[in-house]
Amino acid sequence: MSFLITLLQDVNIDEKLKNAPDNAYSIGVFIGTLLPFVVLVIIAFLIYRYNKNRFKDE
């Protein structure tokens, strides 16, 4: 199963930028690369805040 995930996640960003139609594409690739990490950080913060408030009320 992990082999399948590794194959799906194997992305060559340099090749994408080299074949890009214009400069705006590189901005999209940059945002698309960072977006999953930003979403995970926001979810982790929301879970932390929820648990902190829940234990504070008890």
C-alpha atoms as a PDB file:
ATOM      1  CA  MET A   1       0.000   0.000   0.000  1.00  0.00           C
ATOM      2  CA  SER A   2       2.783   2.449   0.866  1.00  0.00           C
ATOM      3  CA  PHE A   3       4.418   1.702  -2.494  1.00  0.00           C
ATOM      4  CA  LEU A   4       1.255   2.846  -4.273  1.00  0.00           C
ATOM      5  CA  ILE A   5       1.151   6.047  -2.232  1.00  0.00           C
ATOM      6  CA  THR A   6       4.823   6.689  -3.016  1.00  0.00           C
ATOM      7  CA  LEU A   7       4.157   6.341  -6.734  1.00  0.00           C
ATOM      8  CA  LEU A   8       1.219   8.741  -6.581  1.00  0.00           C
ATOM      9  CA  GLN A   9       3.186  11.360  -4.649  1.00  0.00           C
ATOM     10  CA  ASP A  10       6.259  11.285  -6.873  1.00  0.00           C
ATOM     11  CA  VAL A  11       6.113  14.709  -8.521  1.00  0.00           C
ATOM     12  CA  ASN A  12       9.010  16.422 -10.262  1.00  0.00           C
ATOM     13  CA  ILE A  13       8.452  20.138  -9.684  1.00  0.00           C
ATOM     14  CA  ASP A  14      11.491  21.193 -11.739  1.00  0.00           C
ATOM     15  CA  GLU A  15      10.113  19.394 -14.785  1.00  0.00           C
ATOM     16  CA  LYS A  16       6.713  21.055 -14.320  1.00  0.00           C
ATOM     17  CA  LEU A  17       8.326  24.499 -14.151  1.00  0.00           C
ATOM     18  CA  LYS A  18      10.456  23.807 -17.209  1.00  0.00           C
ATOM     19  CA  ASN A  19       7.384  22.856 -19.263  1.00  0.00           C
ATOM     20  CA  ALA A  20       5.262  25.718 -17.915  1.00  0.00           C
ATOM     21  CA  PRO A  21       3.458  27.919 -20.424  1.00  0.00           C
ATOM     22  CA  ASP A  22       4.245  31.176 -18.571  1.00  0.00           C
ATOM     23  CA  ASN A  23       5.558  32.637 -15.302  1.00  0.00           C
ATOM     24  CA  ALA A  24       2.211  32.579 -13.517  1.00  0.00           C
ATOM     25  CA  TYR A  25       2.336  28.793 -13.559  1.00  0.00           C
ATOM     26  CA  SER A  26       5.285  28.805 -11.174  1.00  0.00           C
ATOM     27  CA  ILE A  27       3.257  30.772  -8.628  1.00  0.00           C
ATOM     28  CA  GLY A  28       0.502  28.168  -8.869  1.00  0.00           C
ATOM     29  CA  VAL A  29       2.975  25.331  -8.377  1.00  0.00           C
ATOM     30  CA  PHE A  30       4.428  27.101  -5.328  1.00  0.00           C
ATOM     31  CA  ILE A  31       0.985  27.635  -3.776  1.00  0.00           C
ATOM     32  CA  GLY A  32      -0.058  24.079  -4.603  1.00  0.00           C
ATOM     33  CA  THR A  33       3.062  22.730  -2.946  1.00  0.00           C
ATOM     34  CA  LEU A  34       2.513  24.661   0.288  1.00  0.00           C
ATOM     35  CA  LEU A  35      -1.275  24.383   0.486  1.00  0.00           C
ATOM     36  CA  PRO A  36      -1.465  20.841   1.968  1.00  0.00           C
ATOM     37  CA  PHE A  37       0.941  21.795   4.766  1.00  0.00           C
ATOM     38  CA  VAL A  38      -0.963  24.983   5.558  1.00  0.00           C
ATOM     39  CA  VAL A  39      -4.247  23.060   5.733  1.00  0.00           C
ATOM     40  CA  LEU A  40      -2.705  20.475   8.080  1.00  0.00           C
ATOM     41  CA  VAL A  41      -1.359  23.206  10.372  1.00  0.00           C
ATOM     42  CA  ILE A  42      -4.768  24.885  10.510  1.00  0.00           C
ATOM     43  CA  ILE A  43      -6.500  21.592  11.315  1.00  0.00           C
ATOM     44  CA  ALA A  44      -3.936  20.828  14.033  1.00  0.00           C
ATOM     45  CA  PHE A  45      -4.422  24.284  15.552  1.00  0.00           C
ATOM     46  CA  LEU A  46      -8.212  23.914  15.553  1.00  0.00           C
ATOM     47  CA  ILE A  47      -7.978  20.522  17.263  1.00  0.00           C
ATOM     48  CA  TYR A  48      -5.556  21.959  19.842  1.00  0.00           C
ATOM     49  CA  ARG A  49      -7.832  24.938  20.523  1.00  0.00           C
ATOM     50  CA  TYR A  50     -10.916  22.721  20.830  1.00  0.00           C
ATOM     51  CA  ASN A  51      -9.214  20.383  23.304  1.00  0.00           C
ATOM     52  CA  LYS A  52      -7.734  23.269  25.296  1.00  0.00           C
ATOM     53  CA  ASN A  53     -11.167  24.882  25.686  1.00  0.00           C
ATOM     54  CA  ARG A  54     -12.796  21.537  26.519  1.00  0.00           C
ATOM     55  CA  PHE A  55     -10.345  20.793  29.347  1.00  0.00           C
ATOM     56  CA  LYS A  56     -10.619  24.369  30.595  1.00  0.00           C
ATOM     57  CA  ASP A  57     -14.387  23.971  31.077  1.00  0.00           C
ATOM     58  CA  GLU A  58     -14.041  20.779  33.131  1.00  0.00           C
END
